[in-house]
C-alpha atoms as a PDB file:
ATOM      1  CA  MET A   1     -89.683  42.145 -32.227  1.00  0.00           C
ATOM      2  CA  SER A   2     -88.186  45.603 -32.063  1.00  0.00           C
ATOM      3  CA  LYS A   3     -84.799  46.552 -33.580  1.00  0.00           C
ATOM      4  CA  LYS A   4     -83.243  47.023 -30.102  1.00  0.00           C
ATOM      5  CA  SER A   5     -84.264  43.503 -29.038  1.00  0.00           C
ATOM      6  CA  ARG A   6     -82.751  42.015 -32.199  1.00  0.00           C
ATOM      7  CA  LYS A   7     -79.443  43.866 -31.568  1.00  0.00           C
ATOM      8  CA  LYS A   8     -79.199  42.598 -27.968  1.00  0.00           C
ATOM      9  CA  SER A   9     -80.061  39.077 -29.070  1.00  0.00           C
ATOM     10  CA  SER A  10     -77.374  39.110 -31.782  1.00  0.00           C
ATOM     11  CA  LYS A  11     -74.676  40.171 -29.252  1.00  0.00           C
ATOM     12  CA  THR A  12     -75.334  37.297 -26.837  1.00  0.00           C
ATOM     13  CA  PRO A  13     -73.775  34.444 -28.891  1.00  0.00           C
ATOM     14  CA  SER A  14     -70.636  36.425 -29.656  1.00  0.00           C
ATOM     15  CA  GLY A  15     -70.250  37.192 -25.935  1.00  0.00           C
ATOM     16  CA  SER A  16     -70.595  33.498 -25.206  1.00  0.00           C
ATOM     17  CA  GLN A  17     -67.833  32.718 -27.717  1.00  0.00           C
ATOM     18  CA  THR A  18     -65.555  35.241 -26.032  1.00  0.00           C
ATOM     19  CA  ALA A  19     -66.089  33.530 -22.676  1.00  0.00           C
ATOM     20  CA  LYS A  20     -65.241  30.197 -24.283  1.00  0.00           C
ATOM     21  CA  LYS A  21     -62.015  31.634 -25.673  1.00  0.00           C
ATOM     22  CA  LYS A  22     -61.039  32.947 -22.247  1.00  0.00           C
ATOM     23  CA  ALA A  23     -61.907  29.620 -20.700  1.00  0.00           C
ATOM     24  CA  SER A  24     -59.850  27.738 -23.314  1.00  0.00           C
ATOM     25  CA  LYS A  25     -56.800  29.913 -22.567  1.00  0.00           C
ATOM     26  CA  THR A  26     -56.895  29.118 -18.861  1.00  0.00           C
ATOM     27  CA  PRO A  27     -55.774  25.437 -19.083  1.00  0.00           C
ATOM     28  CA  ALA A  28     -52.926  26.377 -21.452  1.00  0.00           C
ATOM     29  CA  SER A  29     -51.663  28.941 -18.976  1.00  0.00           C
ATOM     30  CA  THR A  30     -51.997  26.445 -16.151  1.00  0.00           C
ATOM     31  CA  GLN A  31     -50.155  23.804 -18.149  1.00  0.00           C
ATOM     32  CA  THR A  32     -47.297  26.227 -18.843  1.00  0.00           C
ATOM     33  CA  ARG A  33     -46.869  27.042 -15.171  1.00  0.00           C
ATOM     34  CA  SER A  34     -47.127  23.352 -14.294  1.00  0.00           C
ATOM     35  CA  GLY A  35     -44.569  22.492 -16.964  1.00  0.00           C
ATOM     36  CA  LYS A  36     -42.111  24.996 -15.504  1.00  0.00           C
ATOM     37  CA  THR A  37     -42.665  23.783 -11.956  1.00  0.00           C
ATOM     38  CA  GLN A  38     -42.097  20.055 -12.576  1.00  0.00           C
ATOM     39  CA  PRO A  39     -38.585  20.263 -14.131  1.00  0.00           C
ATOM     40  CA  ALA A  40     -37.470  22.577 -11.341  1.00  0.00           C
ATOM     41  CA  SER A  41     -38.622  20.031  -8.773  1.00  0.00           C
ATOM     42  CA  ALA A  42     -36.872  17.181 -10.610  1.00  0.00           C
ATOM     43  CA  ASP A  43     -33.677  19.242 -10.957  1.00  0.00           C
ATOM     44  CA  THR A  44     -33.674  19.954  -7.221  1.00  0.00           C
ATOM     45  CA  SER A  45     -34.108  16.247  -6.549  1.00  0.00           C
ATOM     46  CA  ARG A  46     -31.180  15.390  -8.844  1.00  0.00           C
ATOM     47  CA  LYS A  47     -28.955  17.985  -7.138  1.00  0.00           C
ATOM     48  CA  GLY A  48     -29.832  16.539  -3.741  1.00  0.00           C
ATOM     49  CA  THR A  49     -29.039  13.023  -4.958  1.00  0.00           C
ATOM     50  CA  ARG A  50     -25.684  14.135  -6.418  1.00  0.00           C
ATOM     51  CA  ALA A  51     -24.750  15.906  -3.173  1.00  0.00           C
ATOM     52  CA  ALA A  52     -25.622  12.845  -1.081  1.00  0.00           C
ATOM     53  CA  SER A  53     -23.689  10.612  -3.479  1.00  0.00           C
ATOM     54  CA  HIS A  54     -20.665  12.925  -3.326  1.00  0.00           C
ATOM     55  CA  LYS A  55     -20.682  12.866   0.483  1.00  0.00           C
ATOM     56  CA  ALA A  56     -20.929   9.073   0.510  1.00  0.00           C
ATOM     57  CA  ALA A  57     -18.037   8.787  -1.961  1.00  0.00           C
ATOM     58  CA  SER A  58     -15.932  11.126   0.161  1.00  0.00           C
ATOM     59  CA  LYS A  59     -16.571   9.002   3.253  1.00  0.00           C
ATOM     60  CA  ARG A  60     -15.608   5.852   1.341  1.00  0.00           C
ATOM     61  CA  LEU A  61     -12.416   7.525   0.097  1.00  0.00           C
ATOM     62  CA  ILE A  62     -11.401   8.653   3.590  1.00  0.00           C
ATOM     63  CA  SER A  63     -12.179   5.195   4.965  1.00  0.00           C
ATOM     64  CA  SER A  64     -10.113   3.591   2.187  1.00  0.00           C
ATOM     65  CA  GLU A  65      -7.175   5.909   2.848  1.00  0.00           C
ATOM     66  CA  LYS A  66      -7.222   5.014   6.538  1.00  0.00           C
ATOM     67  CA  ALA A  67      -7.418   1.308   5.778  1.00  0.00           C
ATOM     68  CA  SER A  68      -4.524   1.441   3.289  1.00  0.00           C
ATOM     69  CA  LYS A  69      -2.231   3.492   5.498  1.00  0.00           C
ATOM     70  CA  PRO A  70       1.113   1.685   5.829  1.00  0.00           C
ATOM     71  CA  LYS A  71       1.806  -0.031   9.123  1.00  0.00           C
ATOM     72  CA  ALA A  72       5.078   0.184  11.011  1.00  0.00           C
ATOM     73  CA  ALA A  73       7.394  -2.813  11.197  1.00  0.00           C
ATOM     74  CA  SER A  74       6.903  -5.207  14.099  1.00  0.00           C
ATOM     75  CA  ALA A  75       9.457  -4.847  16.880  1.00  0.00           C
ATOM     76  CA  LEU A  76      12.105  -7.514  17.419  1.00  0.00           C
ATOM     77  CA  ALA A  77      13.790  -7.083  20.778  1.00  0.00           C
ATOM     78  CA  GLU A  78      17.246  -8.238  21.782  1.00  0.00           C
ATOM     79  CA  GLY A  79      17.047 -11.296  24.058  1.00  0.00           C
ATOM     80  CA  GLN A  80      13.935 -12.523  22.261  1.00  0.00           C
ATOM     81  CA  LYS A  81      13.837 -15.988  20.687  1.00  0.00           C
ATOM     82  CA  ALA A  82      14.651 -15.612  16.989  1.00  0.00           C
ATOM     83  CA  PRO A  83      11.667 -16.400  14.724  1.00  0.00           C
ATOM     84  CA  VAL A  84      11.980 -19.654  12.780  1.00  0.00           C
ATOM     85  CA  PHE A  85      12.114 -19.608   8.981  1.00  0.00           C
ATOM     86  CA  ARG A  86      12.274 -21.968   6.022  1.00  0.00           C
ATOM     87  CA  LEU A  87      12.714 -20.426   2.570  1.00  0.00           C
ATOM     88  CA  PRO A  88      14.343 -21.076  -0.819  1.00  0.00           C
ATOM     89  CA  ARG A  89      17.888 -19.839  -1.481  1.00  0.00           C
ATOM     90  CA  ASP A  90      19.977 -19.299  -4.580  1.00  0.00           C
ATOM     91  CA  GLY A  91      20.868 -22.547  -6.298  1.00  0.00           C
ATOM     92  CA  GLY A  92      17.390 -23.989  -5.704  1.00  0.00           C
ATOM     93  CA  ASN A  93      17.978 -25.368  -2.217  1.00  0.00           C
ATOM     94  CA  VAL A  94      15.939 -24.625   0.908  1.00  0.00           C
ATOM     95  CA  VAL A  95      17.430 -23.082   4.023  1.00  0.00           C
ATOM     96  CA  SER A  96      15.909 -23.061   7.506  1.00  0.00           C
ATOM     97  CA  SER A  97      16.723 -21.743  10.966  1.00  0.00           C
ATOM     98  CA  ALA A  98      17.134 -25.369  12.123  1.00  0.00           C
ATOM     99  CA  ASP A  99      20.187 -25.686   9.857  1.00  0.00           C
ATOM    100  CA  TYR A 100      22.067 -23.266  12.148  1.00  0.00           C
ATOM    101  CA  ALA A 101      21.037 -24.596  15.554  1.00  0.00           C
ATOM    102  CA  GLY A 102      23.846 -24.082  18.067  1.00  0.00           C
ATOM    103  CA  GLU A 103      25.680 -21.634  15.757  1.00  0.00           C
ATOM    104  CA  LYS A 104      25.885 -17.887  15.651  1.00  0.00           C
ATOM    105  CA  LEU A 105      24.036 -16.492  12.675  1.00  0.00           C
ATOM    106  CA  VAL A 106      23.979 -13.103  10.924  1.00  0.00           C
ATOM    107  CA  LEU A 107      20.917 -12.191   8.840  1.00  0.00           C
ATOM    108  CA  PHE A 108      21.239  -9.048   6.720  1.00  0.00           C
ATOM    109  CA  PHE A 109      18.044  -7.856   5.044  1.00  0.00           C
ATOM    110  CA  TYR A 110      18.537  -5.688   1.977  1.00  0.00           C
ATOM    111  CA  PRO A 111      15.916  -3.817  -0.128  1.00  0.00           C
ATOM    112  CA  ARG A 112      16.750  -4.994  -3.640  1.00  0.00           C
ATOM    113  CA  ALA A 113      19.334  -7.100  -5.414  1.00  0.00           C
ATOM    114  CA  ASP A 114      21.943  -5.372  -7.583  1.00  0.00           C
ATOM    115  CA  THR A 115      21.205  -1.835  -6.396  1.00  0.00           C
ATOM    116  CA  PRO A 116      24.218   0.258  -5.319  1.00  0.00           C
ATOM    117  CA  GLY A 117      23.865   0.081  -1.522  1.00  0.00           C
ATOM    118  CA  CYS A 118      22.798  -3.558  -1.490  1.00  0.00           C
ATOM    119  CA  THR A 119      25.690  -4.499  -3.784  1.00  0.00           C
ATOM    120  CA  ARG A 120      28.279  -2.836  -1.536  1.00  0.00           C
ATOM    121  CA  GLU A 121      26.793  -4.491   1.545  1.00  0.00           C
ATOM    122  CA  ALA A 122      26.752  -7.983  -0.009  1.00  0.00           C
ATOM    123  CA  ILE A 123      30.321  -7.575  -1.280  1.00  0.00           C
ATOM    124  CA  ASP A 124      31.481  -6.488   2.188  1.00  0.00           C
ATOM    125  CA  PHE A 125      29.934  -9.536   3.866  1.00  0.00           C
ATOM    126  CA  THR A 126      31.476 -11.760   1.172  1.00  0.00           C
ATOM    127  CA  ARG A 127      34.889 -10.168   1.782  1.00  0.00           C
ATOM    128  CA  LEU A 128      34.591 -11.049   5.493  1.00  0.00           C
ATOM    129  CA  LYS A 129      33.114 -14.523   4.958  1.00  0.00           C
ATOM    130  CA  ASP A 130      36.197 -16.373   6.216  1.00  0.00           C
ATOM    131  CA  ALA A 131      36.538 -14.056   9.211  1.00  0.00           C
ATOM    132  CA  PHE A 132      32.899 -14.765  10.172  1.00  0.00           C
ATOM    133  CA  ALA A 133      33.542 -18.495   9.791  1.00  0.00           C
ATOM    134  CA  SER A 134      36.549 -18.217  12.118  1.00  0.00           C
ATOM    135  CA  ALA A 135      34.225 -16.564  14.646  1.00  0.00           C
ATOM    136  CA  GLY A 136      31.828 -19.518  14.366  1.00  0.00           C
ATOM    137  CA  THR A 137      29.241 -17.358  12.586  1.00  0.00           C
ATOM    138  CA  ALA A 138      27.241 -18.071   9.423  1.00  0.00           C
ATOM    139  CA  VAL A 139      25.896 -15.230   7.246  1.00  0.00           C
ATOM    140  CA  LEU A 140      22.715 -15.111   5.143  1.00  0.00           C
ATOM    141  CA  GLY A 141      21.358 -12.332   2.926  1.00  0.00           C
ATOM    142  CA  ILE A 142      17.587 -11.898   2.570  1.00  0.00           C
ATOM    143  CA  SER A 143      15.383  -9.836   0.242  1.00  0.00           C
ATOM    144  CA  ALA A 144      12.041 -10.178  -1.533  1.00  0.00           C
ATOM    145  CA  ASP A 145      13.693 -10.727  -4.921  1.00  0.00           C
ATOM    146  CA  PRO A 146      12.818 -13.947  -6.800  1.00  0.00           C
ATOM    147  CA  LEU A 147      15.464 -16.668  -7.017  1.00  0.00           C
ATOM    148  CA  ARG A 148      16.411 -15.781 -10.582  1.00  0.00           C
ATOM    149  CA  ALA A 149      17.244 -12.203  -9.548  1.00  0.00           C
ATOM    150  CA  GLN A 150      19.201 -13.460  -6.526  1.00  0.00           C
ATOM    151  CA  GLU A 151      21.251 -15.825  -8.666  1.00  0.00           C
ATOM    152  CA  LYS A 152      21.949 -13.148 -11.255  1.00  0.00           C
ATOM    153  CA  PHE A 153      23.030 -10.821  -8.424  1.00  0.00           C
ATOM    154  CA  ARG A 154      25.316 -13.545  -6.996  1.00  0.00           C
ATOM    155  CA  ASP A 155      26.941 -14.349 -10.345  1.00  0.00           C
ATOM    156  CA  LYS A 156      27.435 -10.739 -11.402  1.00  0.00           C
ATOM    157  CA  HIS A 157      29.346  -9.794  -8.230  1.00  0.00           C
ATOM    158  CA  SER A 158      30.839 -13.216  -7.312  1.00  0.00           C
ATOM    159  CA  LEU A 159      29.030 -13.237  -3.976  1.00  0.00           C
ATOM    160  CA  GLY A 160      29.898 -16.014  -1.511  1.00  0.00           C
ATOM    161  CA  ILE A 161      26.954 -15.481   0.864  1.00  0.00           C
ATOM    162  CA  PRO A 162      23.767 -17.605   0.522  1.00  0.00           C
ATOM    163  CA  LEU A 163      20.890 -15.406  -0.651  1.00  0.00           C
ATOM    164  CA  ILE A 164      17.351 -16.136   0.545  1.00  0.00           C
ATOM    165  CA  SER A 165      14.236 -15.270  -1.461  1.00  0.00           C
ATOM    166  CA  ASP A 166      11.284 -14.119   0.688  1.00  0.00           C
ATOM    167  CA  GLU A 167       8.741 -13.033  -1.908  1.00  0.00           C
ATOM    168  CA  GLN A 168       5.808 -13.355   0.528  1.00  0.00           C
ATOM    169  CA  HIS A 169       7.552 -11.186   3.180  1.00  0.00           C
ATOM    170  CA  GLU A 170       7.004 -13.790   5.917  1.00  0.00           C
ATOM    171  CA  MET A 171      10.550 -13.714   7.279  1.00  0.00           C
ATOM    172  CA  LEU A 172      10.906  -9.995   6.583  1.00  0.00           C
ATOM    173  CA  GLU A 173       7.855  -9.217   8.713  1.00  0.00           C
ATOM    174  CA  ALA A 174       8.832 -11.644  11.468  1.00  0.00           C
ATOM    175  CA  TYR A 175      12.218  -9.941  11.839  1.00  0.00           C
ATOM    176  CA  GLY A 176      10.865  -6.384  11.621  1.00  0.00           C
ATOM    177  CA  ALA A 177      12.527  -5.738   8.262  1.00  0.00           C
ATOM    178  CA  TRP A 178       9.265  -4.933   6.452  1.00  0.00           C
ATOM    179  CA  GLY A 179       7.552  -1.631   7.222  1.00  0.00           C
ATOM    180  CA  GLU A 180       6.767   1.944   6.308  1.00  0.00           C
ATOM    181  CA  LYS A 181       9.206   3.875   4.151  1.00  0.00           C
ATOM    182  CA  SER A 182       8.976   7.297   2.532  1.00  0.00           C
ATOM    183  CA  MET A 183      10.317   8.805  -0.663  1.00  0.00           C
ATOM    184  CA  TYR A 184       9.555  12.157  -2.292  1.00  0.00           C
ATOM    185  CA  GLY A 185       6.885  12.840   0.326  1.00  0.00           C
ATOM    186  CA  LYS A 186       5.022   9.553  -0.243  1.00  0.00           C
ATOM    187  CA  SER A 187       4.754   6.668   2.239  1.00  0.00           C
ATOM    188  CA  PHE A 188       4.767   3.037   1.193  1.00  0.00           C
ATOM    189  CA  LEU A 189       5.623  -0.430   2.515  1.00  0.00           C
ATOM    190  CA  GLY A 190       9.025  -1.905   1.729  1.00  0.00           C
ATOM    191  CA  ILE A 191      12.153  -3.608   3.059  1.00  0.00           C
ATOM    192  CA  LEU A 192      13.979  -1.744   5.813  1.00  0.00           C
ATOM    193  CA  ARG A 193      17.719  -2.340   5.683  1.00  0.00           C
ATOM    194  CA  THR A 194      18.181  -4.367   8.863  1.00  0.00           C
ATOM    195  CA  THR A 195      20.754  -6.784  10.290  1.00  0.00           C
ATOM    196  CA  VAL A 196      20.150  -9.310  13.074  1.00  0.00           C
ATOM    197  CA  LEU A 197      22.804 -11.262  14.996  1.00  0.00           C
ATOM    198  CA  ILE A 198      21.574 -14.482  16.611  1.00  0.00           C
ATOM    199  CA  GLY A 199      23.562 -16.198  19.377  1.00  0.00           C
ATOM    200  CA  THR A 200      24.253 -19.897  19.847  1.00  0.00           C
ATOM    201  CA  ASP A 201      21.250 -20.050  22.203  1.00  0.00           C
ATOM    202  CA  GLY A 202      18.926 -19.106  19.332  1.00  0.00           C
ATOM    203  CA  LYS A 203      18.129 -15.693  20.819  1.00  0.00           C
ATOM    204  CA  VAL A 204      18.541 -12.283  19.217  1.00  0.00           C
ATOM    205  CA  ALA A 205      21.830 -10.782  20.429  1.00  0.00           C
ATOM    206  CA  ARG A 206      21.912  -7.561  18.383  1.00  0.00           C
ATOM    207  CA  VAL A 207      19.646  -5.693  15.975  1.00  0.00           C
ATOM    208  CA  TRP A 208      20.803  -2.945  13.601  1.00  0.00           C
ATOM    209  CA  ARG A 209      18.052  -0.875  11.995  1.00  0.00           C
ATOM    210  CA  ASN A 210      18.259   1.733   9.215  1.00  0.00           C
ATOM    211  CA  VAL A 211      21.705   0.388   8.410  1.00  0.00           C
ATOM    212  CA  ARG A 212      24.338   2.574   6.777  1.00  0.00           C
ATOM    213  CA  VAL A 213      26.371   0.314   4.531  1.00  0.00           C
ATOM    214  CA  ASP A 214      29.846   1.784   4.923  1.00  0.00           C
ATOM    215  CA  GLY A 215      31.729  -0.129   7.645  1.00  0.00           C
ATOM    216  CA  HIS A 216      28.616  -2.055   8.679  1.00  0.00           C
ATOM    217  CA  ALA A 217      29.892  -5.593   7.937  1.00  0.00           C
ATOM    218  CA  ASP A 218      33.013  -4.934   9.999  1.00  0.00           C
ATOM    219  CA  GLU A 219      30.889  -3.729  12.916  1.00  0.00           C
ATOM    220  CA  VAL A 220      28.749  -6.869  12.772  1.00  0.00           C
ATOM    221  CA  LEU A 221      31.887  -9.065  12.703  1.00  0.00           C
ATOM    222  CA  ALA A 222      33.214  -7.348  15.835  1.00  0.00           C
ATOM    223  CA  ALA A 223      29.860  -7.988  17.585  1.00  0.00           C
ATOM    224  CA  ALA A 224      29.917 -11.658  16.545  1.00  0.00           C
ATOM    225  CA  ARG A 225      33.423 -12.108  17.866  1.00  0.00           C
ATOM    226  CA  SER A 226      32.403 -10.640  21.204  1.00  0.00           C
ATOM    227  CA  LEU A 227      29.627 -13.190  21.810  1.00  0.00           C
END
């Protein structure tokens, strides 16, 4: 064998090794590109899921806000038959609309016992208690306060008007004294200061809404006398 043939023969294996090295690099490069591609795809999927979840949560929030929006008080028209009621009063007794059948009856609904406006109103009706009796008219005060609060309110201010506790808002709603109120830009459900005068026929004779306390009891007395 000539020297040239031996040189060519010796180069062949090394060339084969070089090809193997190039071939071995190819999968590594492919794996790197594949590794970069897969996280990007997963990240895109996660972003899409988060966006869909956010939209769904927004829809639920809007739906919840609509569902929880306060409702206006039910209307109680003059001339309508007065709704019946039966609820506990201060002292532990129970009072009902049947107790006043054939009598004139004043119901004044106040937001909360022992607050300034409610105290003045209750004191005014107590001051005129005998005058209402002379006009053949009974007077009841109603709020959502528990009996203990009503009794404390009565004792503190020496009130002479029976105080009804309507913690479940049944009577308040029936007489349109429970509805939407607003304070500091926020709306909520609560007691609307309302007074209702019922005639001897059991029908609503007068309704006062959004009552202003000053002079109110005197105005109601004049209306009762005129029936």
